[in-house]
């Protein structure tokens, strides 16, 4: 039946969300096995159409098709390729093509179980005085291998592998160890200038990046651009 908007299960672990019109078809695939539970998609969905649910002991993300605009932001921001958005059978994002969103600067990370995309510059703040063997689940839930423990239970950290997913911080709070670890997202890495993109991009940045760090980054970038303009003007004047 056309028009059609709904969800079908391709497999038990793969859901397909679909919009079909007479001359247009878009599909959004969600792979439960790839999903790392970072909640980036839930935080940034412009329609608040995605929620985290649990069924038969399995946690996964669910899309409310009555709200979903099939915009592809979830695919764009997913570090694990759990969401994949297709238009007429081709994986693409029109919001990047029309410059509503910038192209992300991505570093591929070899995670514990799969390849991951790193596009956030961040840092970890860890209260090592709180760390003991009972904190091991905080390291185990890290999908990238940034956090690990020795046989003696000592924490080892490789921040180069951190994708700023926040899983460790949420697990620490779940264990009642608030303040043990904090994920600070400094900035999203992308190509382009500060004011080149539209409102959806601004909302993504506001929802993922800490306000204090965002202010520092904007001030720094504005300063660099101002200096560049002055240098260009100076070169023009001395010709």
C-alpha atoms as a PDB file:
ATOM      1  CA  UNK A   1       0.000   0.000   0.000  1.00  0.00           C
ATOM      2  CA  UNK A   2       1.318   3.473  -0.925  1.00  0.00           C
ATOM      3  CA  UNK A   3       2.030   5.714   0.854  1.00  0.00           C
ATOM      4  CA  UNK A   4       3.540   3.421   3.507  1.00  0.00           C
ATOM      5  CA  UNK A   5       5.434   4.240   6.680  1.00  0.00           C
ATOM      6  CA  UNK A   6       6.327   1.517   9.150  1.00  0.00           C
ATOM      7  CA  UNK A   7       8.756  -1.034  10.582  1.00  0.00           C
ATOM      8  CA  UNK A   8       9.515  -4.630   9.686  1.00  0.00           C
ATOM      9  CA  UNK A   9      12.088  -7.065  11.075  1.00  0.00           C
ATOM     10  CA  UNK A  10      14.585  -8.173   8.452  1.00  0.00           C
ATOM     11  CA  UNK A  11      16.079 -10.485  11.094  1.00  0.00           C
ATOM     12  CA  UNK A  12      15.592 -10.725  14.854  1.00  0.00           C
ATOM     13  CA  UNK A  13      18.479  -8.328  15.316  1.00  0.00           C
ATOM     14  CA  UNK A  14      17.878  -6.006  12.329  1.00  0.00           C
ATOM     15  CA  UNK A  15      14.907  -3.656  12.091  1.00  0.00           C
ATOM     16  CA  UNK A  16      13.938  -1.840   8.888  1.00  0.00           C
ATOM     17  CA  UNK A  17      12.013   1.429   9.074  1.00  0.00           C
ATOM     18  CA  UNK A  18      10.580   2.425   5.727  1.00  0.00           C
ATOM     19  CA  UNK A  19       8.868   5.318   3.950  1.00  0.00           C
ATOM     20  CA  UNK A  20       7.403   4.547   0.523  1.00  0.00           C
ATOM     21  CA  UNK A  21       5.780   7.052  -1.821  1.00  0.00           C
ATOM     22  CA  UNK A  22       4.912   6.701  -5.514  1.00  0.00           C
ATOM     23  CA  UNK A  23       8.343   7.859  -6.736  1.00  0.00           C
ATOM     24  CA  UNK A  24      10.376   7.830  -3.527  1.00  0.00           C
ATOM     25  CA  UNK A  25      11.593   5.211  -1.073  1.00  0.00           C
ATOM     26  CA  UNK A  26      13.745   5.702   2.017  1.00  0.00           C
ATOM     27  CA  UNK A  27      14.840   3.007   4.440  1.00  0.00           C
ATOM     28  CA  UNK A  28      16.470   3.162   7.848  1.00  0.00           C
ATOM     29  CA  UNK A  29      18.113  -0.029   9.084  1.00  0.00           C
ATOM     30  CA  UNK A  30      18.944  -0.539  12.760  1.00  0.00           C
ATOM     31  CA  UNK A  31      21.281  -3.376  13.800  1.00  0.00           C
ATOM     32  CA  UNK A  32      20.918  -4.323  17.475  1.00  0.00           C
ATOM     33  CA  UNK A  33      24.208  -6.246  17.435  1.00  0.00           C
ATOM     34  CA  UNK A  34      26.192  -3.198  16.298  1.00  0.00           C
ATOM     35  CA  UNK A  35      24.535  -0.736  18.692  1.00  0.00           C
ATOM     36  CA  UNK A  36      26.818   0.236  21.598  1.00  0.00           C
ATOM     37  CA  UNK A  37      24.160   2.157  23.550  1.00  0.00           C
ATOM     38  CA  UNK A  38      25.901   5.539  23.346  1.00  0.00           C
ATOM     39  CA  UNK A  39      22.508   7.324  23.055  1.00  0.00           C
ATOM     40  CA  UNK A  40      23.891   9.826  20.502  1.00  0.00           C
ATOM     41  CA  UNK A  41      20.908   9.165  18.225  1.00  0.00           C
ATOM     42  CA  UNK A  42      18.405   9.665  21.044  1.00  0.00           C
ATOM     43  CA  UNK A  43      20.000  12.928  22.114  1.00  0.00           C
ATOM     44  CA  UNK A  44      20.247  14.413  18.624  1.00  0.00           C
ATOM     45  CA  UNK A  45      17.095  13.210  16.844  1.00  0.00           C
ATOM     46  CA  UNK A  46      15.364  16.471  15.787  1.00  0.00           C
ATOM     47  CA  UNK A  47      11.932  14.879  16.212  1.00  0.00           C
ATOM     48  CA  UNK A  48      12.698  13.021  19.479  1.00  0.00           C
ATOM     49  CA  UNK A  49      11.542   9.897  17.687  1.00  0.00           C
ATOM     50  CA  UNK A  50      14.071   7.435  19.170  1.00  0.00           C
ATOM     51  CA  UNK A  51      13.881   5.872  22.620  1.00  0.00           C
ATOM     52  CA  UNK A  52      15.781   3.177  24.529  1.00  0.00           C
ATOM     53  CA  UNK A  53      13.579   0.209  25.399  1.00  0.00           C
ATOM     54  CA  UNK A  54      14.004  -3.245  26.878  1.00  0.00           C
ATOM     55  CA  UNK A  55      12.195  -6.369  25.741  1.00  0.00           C
ATOM     56  CA  UNK A  56      12.901  -9.906  27.004  1.00  0.00           C
ATOM     57  CA  UNK A  57      16.013  -8.639  28.756  1.00  0.00           C
ATOM     58  CA  UNK A  58      17.452  -7.028  25.611  1.00  0.00           C
ATOM     59  CA  UNK A  59      17.988  -3.261  25.450  1.00  0.00           C
ATOM     60  CA  UNK A  60      17.751  -1.565  22.070  1.00  0.00           C
ATOM     61  CA  UNK A  61      16.719   1.661  20.355  1.00  0.00           C
ATOM     62  CA  UNK A  62      13.230   1.976  18.943  1.00  0.00           C
ATOM     63  CA  UNK A  63      12.043   4.490  16.343  1.00  0.00           C
ATOM     64  CA  UNK A  64       8.548   5.968  16.614  1.00  0.00           C
ATOM     65  CA  UNK A  65       7.516   6.223  12.964  1.00  0.00           C
ATOM     66  CA  UNK A  66       4.672   8.600  13.808  1.00  0.00           C
ATOM     67  CA  UNK A  67       7.373  11.136  14.729  1.00  0.00           C
ATOM     68  CA  UNK A  68      10.300  10.129  12.497  1.00  0.00           C
ATOM     69  CA  UNK A  69      11.081  12.514   9.598  1.00  0.00           C
ATOM     70  CA  UNK A  70      13.454  10.005   7.913  1.00  0.00           C
ATOM     71  CA  UNK A  71      16.155  12.693   7.921  1.00  0.00           C
ATOM     72  CA  UNK A  72      19.131  10.365   8.511  1.00  0.00           C
ATOM     73  CA  UNK A  73      20.621  12.225  11.491  1.00  0.00           C
ATOM     74  CA  UNK A  74      20.785   8.958  13.465  1.00  0.00           C
ATOM     75  CA  UNK A  75      22.941   7.379  10.745  1.00  0.00           C
ATOM     76  CA  UNK A  76      25.076  10.525  10.535  1.00  0.00           C
ATOM     77  CA  UNK A  77      25.853  10.644  14.266  1.00  0.00           C
ATOM     78  CA  UNK A  78      26.135   6.906  15.037  1.00  0.00           C
ATOM     79  CA  UNK A  79      29.730   5.904  15.882  1.00  0.00           C
ATOM     80  CA  UNK A  80      28.988   2.208  15.372  1.00  0.00           C
ATOM     81  CA  UNK A  81      27.091   2.123  12.046  1.00  0.00           C
ATOM     82  CA  UNK A  82      24.126   0.642  13.902  1.00  0.00           C
ATOM     83  CA  UNK A  83      21.823   2.980  11.962  1.00  0.00           C
ATOM     84  CA  UNK A  84      22.119   3.067   8.165  1.00  0.00           C
ATOM     85  CA  UNK A  85      19.930   5.329   6.043  1.00  0.00           C
ATOM     86  CA  UNK A  86      19.166   4.671   2.354  1.00  0.00           C
ATOM     87  CA  UNK A  87      17.340   6.668  -0.310  1.00  0.00           C
ATOM     88  CA  UNK A  88      16.211   4.643  -3.325  1.00  0.00           C
ATOM     89  CA  UNK A  89      18.643   1.904  -2.333  1.00  0.00           C
ATOM     90  CA  UNK A  90      21.675   4.197  -1.984  1.00  0.00           C
ATOM     91  CA  UNK A  91      23.195   5.055   1.379  1.00  0.00           C
ATOM     92  CA  UNK A  92      23.331   8.830   1.542  1.00  0.00           C
ATOM     93  CA  UNK A  93      22.447  11.861   3.645  1.00  0.00           C
ATOM     94  CA  UNK A  94      20.765  14.786   1.912  1.00  0.00           C
ATOM     95  CA  UNK A  95      21.375  17.023   4.927  1.00  0.00           C
ATOM     96  CA  UNK A  96      25.112  16.735   4.320  1.00  0.00           C
ATOM     97  CA  UNK A  97      24.704  17.179   0.584  1.00  0.00           C
ATOM     98  CA  UNK A  98      22.679  20.396   1.000  1.00  0.00           C
ATOM     99  CA  UNK A  99      25.124  21.645   3.668  1.00  0.00           C
ATOM    100  CA  UNK A 100      22.646  21.621   6.544  1.00  0.00           C
ATOM    101  CA  UNK A 101      25.184  19.360   8.260  1.00  0.00           C
ATOM    102  CA  UNK A 102      28.976  19.342   7.800  1.00  0.00           C
ATOM    103  CA  UNK A 103      31.064  16.390   6.777  1.00  0.00           C
ATOM    104  CA  UNK A 104      32.492  14.861   9.943  1.00  0.00           C
ATOM    105  CA  UNK A 105      36.219  14.303  10.311  1.00  0.00           C
ATOM    106  CA  UNK A 106      36.276  10.627  11.248  1.00  0.00           C
ATOM    107  CA  UNK A 107      39.045   8.414  12.596  1.00  0.00           C
ATOM    108  CA  UNK A 108      38.340   4.699  12.414  1.00  0.00           C
ATOM    109  CA  UNK A 109      38.971   2.855  15.678  1.00  0.00           C
ATOM    110  CA  UNK A 110      39.359  -0.909  15.986  1.00  0.00           C
ATOM    111  CA  UNK A 111      37.042  -1.510  18.921  1.00  0.00           C
ATOM    112  CA  UNK A 112      36.658  -4.568  21.109  1.00  0.00           C
ATOM    113  CA  UNK A 113      34.052  -6.201  18.856  1.00  0.00           C
ATOM    114  CA  UNK A 114      33.798  -3.979  15.765  1.00  0.00           C
ATOM    115  CA  UNK A 115      35.143  -0.935  13.994  1.00  0.00           C
ATOM    116  CA  UNK A 116      33.999   2.394  15.457  1.00  0.00           C
ATOM    117  CA  UNK A 117      33.988   5.979  14.220  1.00  0.00           C
ATOM    118  CA  UNK A 118      35.691   8.643  16.323  1.00  0.00           C
ATOM    119  CA  UNK A 119      34.643  12.211  15.499  1.00  0.00           C
ATOM    120  CA  UNK A 120      34.525  13.853  18.924  1.00  0.00           C
ATOM    121  CA  UNK A 121      37.502  15.423  20.648  1.00  0.00           C
ATOM    122  CA  UNK A 122      37.069  14.791  24.344  1.00  0.00           C
ATOM    123  CA  UNK A 123      38.753  13.888  27.585  1.00  0.00           C
ATOM    124  CA  UNK A 124      38.139  11.677  30.599  1.00  0.00           C
ATOM    125  CA  UNK A 125      38.195  12.922  34.158  1.00  0.00           C
ATOM    126  CA  UNK A 126      38.780   9.953  36.464  1.00  0.00           C
ATOM    127  CA  UNK A 127      38.856   9.889  40.246  1.00  0.00           C
ATOM    128  CA  UNK A 128      41.475   7.158  40.592  1.00  0.00           C
ATOM    129  CA  UNK A 129      41.142   7.251  44.391  1.00  0.00           C
ATOM    130  CA  UNK A 130      37.661   5.723  44.022  1.00  0.00           C
ATOM    131  CA  UNK A 131      38.800   2.946  41.683  1.00  0.00           C
ATOM    132  CA  UNK A 132      38.828  -0.611  43.028  1.00  0.00           C
ATOM    133  CA  UNK A 133      37.993  -4.107  41.780  1.00  0.00           C
ATOM    134  CA  UNK A 134      34.249  -3.462  42.080  1.00  0.00           C
ATOM    135  CA  UNK A 135      34.614  -0.831  39.349  1.00  0.00           C
ATOM    136  CA  UNK A 136      35.589  -3.428  36.736  1.00  0.00           C
ATOM    137  CA  UNK A 137      32.172  -3.267  34.932  1.00  0.00           C
ATOM    138  CA  UNK A 138      32.896   0.404  34.167  1.00  0.00           C
ATOM    139  CA  UNK A 139      35.894  -0.648  32.065  1.00  0.00           C
ATOM    140  CA  UNK A 140      34.189  -3.738  30.630  1.00  0.00           C
ATOM    141  CA  UNK A 141      31.363  -1.703  29.081  1.00  0.00           C
ATOM    142  CA  UNK A 142      33.802   0.478  27.122  1.00  0.00           C
ATOM    143  CA  UNK A 143      33.288  -0.543  23.450  1.00  0.00           C
ATOM    144  CA  UNK A 144      36.511   0.954  22.073  1.00  0.00           C
ATOM    145  CA  UNK A 145      39.130  -0.509  24.412  1.00  0.00           C
ATOM    146  CA  UNK A 146      39.964   2.899  25.855  1.00  0.00           C
ATOM    147  CA  UNK A 147      39.396   1.487  29.341  1.00  0.00           C
ATOM    148  CA  UNK A 148      40.684  -1.888  30.474  1.00  0.00           C
ATOM    149  CA  UNK A 149      41.856  -3.540  33.667  1.00  0.00           C
ATOM    150  CA  UNK A 150      44.837  -5.669  34.592  1.00  0.00           C
ATOM    151  CA  UNK A 151      44.496  -9.042  36.316  1.00  0.00           C
ATOM    152  CA  UNK A 152      45.079  -7.207  39.579  1.00  0.00           C
ATOM    153  CA  UNK A 153      42.120  -4.908  38.817  1.00  0.00           C
ATOM    154  CA  UNK A 154      44.193  -1.823  38.065  1.00  0.00           C
ATOM    155  CA  UNK A 155      42.659   0.591  35.568  1.00  0.00           C
ATOM    156  CA  UNK A 156      44.481   1.218  32.302  1.00  0.00           C
ATOM    157  CA  UNK A 157      43.474   4.104  30.013  1.00  0.00           C
ATOM    158  CA  UNK A 158      44.241   4.827  26.366  1.00  0.00           C
ATOM    159  CA  UNK A 159      42.400   8.061  25.566  1.00  0.00           C
ATOM    160  CA  UNK A 160      43.423   7.870  21.901  1.00  0.00           C
ATOM    161  CA  UNK A 161      40.794   5.132  21.595  1.00  0.00           C
ATOM    162  CA  UNK A 162      38.037   7.030  23.415  1.00  0.00           C
ATOM    163  CA  UNK A 163      35.009   7.862  21.237  1.00  0.00           C
ATOM    164  CA  UNK A 164      33.306   9.835  24.066  1.00  0.00           C
ATOM    165  CA  UNK A 165      30.287   7.516  24.077  1.00  0.00           C
ATOM    166  CA  UNK A 166      29.644   8.021  27.803  1.00  0.00           C
ATOM    167  CA  UNK A 167      28.974   4.342  28.547  1.00  0.00           C
ATOM    168  CA  UNK A 168      31.565   4.290  31.323  1.00  0.00           C
ATOM    169  CA  UNK A 169      30.076   7.310  33.079  1.00  0.00           C
ATOM    170  CA  UNK A 170      26.544   5.885  32.938  1.00  0.00           C
ATOM    171  CA  UNK A 171      27.733   2.497  34.247  1.00  0.00           C
ATOM    172  CA  UNK A 172      29.566   4.179  37.142  1.00  0.00           C
ATOM    173  CA  UNK A 173      26.383   6.027  38.123  1.00  0.00           C
ATOM    174  CA  UNK A 174      24.417   2.795  37.824  1.00  0.00           C
ATOM    175  CA  UNK A 175      26.862   1.212  40.304  1.00  0.00           C
ATOM    176  CA  UNK A 176      26.379   4.138  42.695  1.00  0.00           C
ATOM    177  CA  UNK A 177      29.843   5.535  41.973  1.00  0.00           C
ATOM    178  CA  UNK A 178      28.894   9.021  40.865  1.00  0.00           C
ATOM    179  CA  UNK A 179      31.952  11.148  40.201  1.00  0.00           C
ATOM    180  CA  UNK A 180      34.191   8.162  39.490  1.00  0.00           C
ATOM    181  CA  UNK A 181      34.473   9.070  35.829  1.00  0.00           C
ATOM    182  CA  UNK A 182      33.313  11.970  33.705  1.00  0.00           C
ATOM    183  CA  UNK A 183      33.278  12.159  29.905  1.00  0.00           C
ATOM    184  CA  UNK A 184      33.891  15.706  28.712  1.00  0.00           C
ATOM    185  CA  UNK A 185      33.104  16.272  25.034  1.00  0.00           C
ATOM    186  CA  UNK A 186      35.130  19.271  23.912  1.00  0.00           C
ATOM    187  CA  UNK A 187      34.084  19.522  20.276  1.00  0.00           C
ATOM    188  CA  UNK A 188      32.801  17.616  17.280  1.00  0.00           C
ATOM    189  CA  UNK A 189      35.377  17.374  14.501  1.00  0.00           C
ATOM    190  CA  UNK A 190      34.070  18.575  11.147  1.00  0.00           C
ATOM    191  CA  UNK A 191      34.970  20.308   7.910  1.00  0.00           C
ATOM    192  CA  UNK A 192      33.870  23.915   7.426  1.00  0.00           C
ATOM    193  CA  UNK A 193      33.412  27.216   9.235  1.00  0.00           C
ATOM    194  CA  UNK A 194      31.469  28.034  12.412  1.00  0.00           C
ATOM    195  CA  UNK A 195      28.466  29.729  10.787  1.00  0.00           C
ATOM    196  CA  UNK A 196      28.298  27.700   7.578  1.00  0.00           C
ATOM    197  CA  UNK A 197      25.586  25.261   8.623  1.00  0.00           C
ATOM    198  CA  UNK A 198      21.926  25.451   9.654  1.00  0.00           C
ATOM    199  CA  UNK A 199      19.894  24.960  12.836  1.00  0.00           C
ATOM    200  CA  UNK A 200      19.985  21.119  12.919  1.00  0.00           C
ATOM    201  CA  UNK A 201      23.780  21.225  13.240  1.00  0.00           C
ATOM    202  CA  UNK A 202      23.645  23.787  16.043  1.00  0.00           C
ATOM    203  CA  UNK A 203      21.209  21.554  17.932  1.00  0.00           C
ATOM    204  CA  UNK A 204      23.458  18.500  17.530  1.00  0.00           C
ATOM    205  CA  UNK A 205      26.438  20.428  18.910  1.00  0.00           C
ATOM    206  CA  UNK A 206      24.435  21.789  21.856  1.00  0.00           C
ATOM    207  CA  UNK A 207      23.160  18.337  22.806  1.00  0.00           C
ATOM    208  CA  UNK A 208      26.473  16.489  22.578  1.00  0.00           C
ATOM    209  CA  UNK A 209      29.150  18.989  23.599  1.00  0.00           C
ATOM    210  CA  UNK A 210      29.530  20.504  27.078  1.00  0.00           C
ATOM    211  CA  UNK A 211      28.582  24.192  27.129  1.00  0.00           C
ATOM    212  CA  UNK A 212      31.838  25.349  28.707  1.00  0.00           C
ATOM    213  CA  UNK A 213      33.972  23.478  26.176  1.00  0.00           C
ATOM    214  CA  UNK A 214      31.768  24.632  23.294  1.00  0.00           C
ATOM    215  CA  UNK A 215      32.222  28.269  24.360  1.00  0.00           C
ATOM    216  CA  UNK A 216      36.012  27.835  24.458  1.00  0.00           C
ATOM    217  CA  UNK A 217      36.032  26.216  21.022  1.00  0.00           C
ATOM    218  CA  UNK A 218      33.842  28.885  19.429  1.00  0.00           C
ATOM    219  CA  UNK A 219      35.997  31.645  20.936  1.00  0.00           C
ATOM    220  CA  UNK A 220      39.149  29.957  19.652  1.00  0.00           C
ATOM    221  CA  UNK A 221      37.771  29.427  16.131  1.00  0.00           C
ATOM    222  CA  UNK A 222      36.382  32.965  15.998  1.00  0.00           C
ATOM    223  CA  UNK A 223      39.803  34.298  16.993  1.00  0.00           C
ATOM    224  CA  UNK A 224      41.541  32.272  14.290  1.00  0.00           C
ATOM    225  CA  UNK A 225      39.089  33.456  11.636  1.00  0.00           C
ATOM    226  CA  UNK A 226      39.441  37.068  12.770  1.00  0.00           C
ATOM    227  CA  UNK A 227      43.230  36.858  12.579  1.00  0.00           C
ATOM    228  CA  UNK A 228      42.989  35.325   9.100  1.00  0.00           C
ATOM    229  CA  UNK A 229      40.741  38.161   7.895  1.00  0.00           C
ATOM    230  CA  UNK A 230      43.147  40.775   9.305  1.00  0.00           C
ATOM    231  CA  UNK A 231      46.126  39.080   7.638  1.00  0.00           C
ATOM    232  CA  UNK A 232      44.312  38.932   4.282  1.00  0.00           C
ATOM    233  CA  UNK A 233      43.327  42.599   4.570  1.00  0.00           C
ATOM    234  CA  UNK A 234      46.880  43.564   5.478  1.00  0.00           C
ATOM    235  CA  UNK A 235      48.263  41.740   2.436  1.00  0.00           C
ATOM    236  CA  UNK A 236      45.751  43.601   0.261  1.00  0.00           C
ATOM    237  CA  UNK A 237      46.752  46.981   1.696  1.00  0.00           C
ATOM    238  CA  UNK A 238      50.502  46.509   1.193  1.00  0.00           C
ATOM    239  CA  UNK A 239      50.225  45.436  -2.450  1.00  0.00           C
END
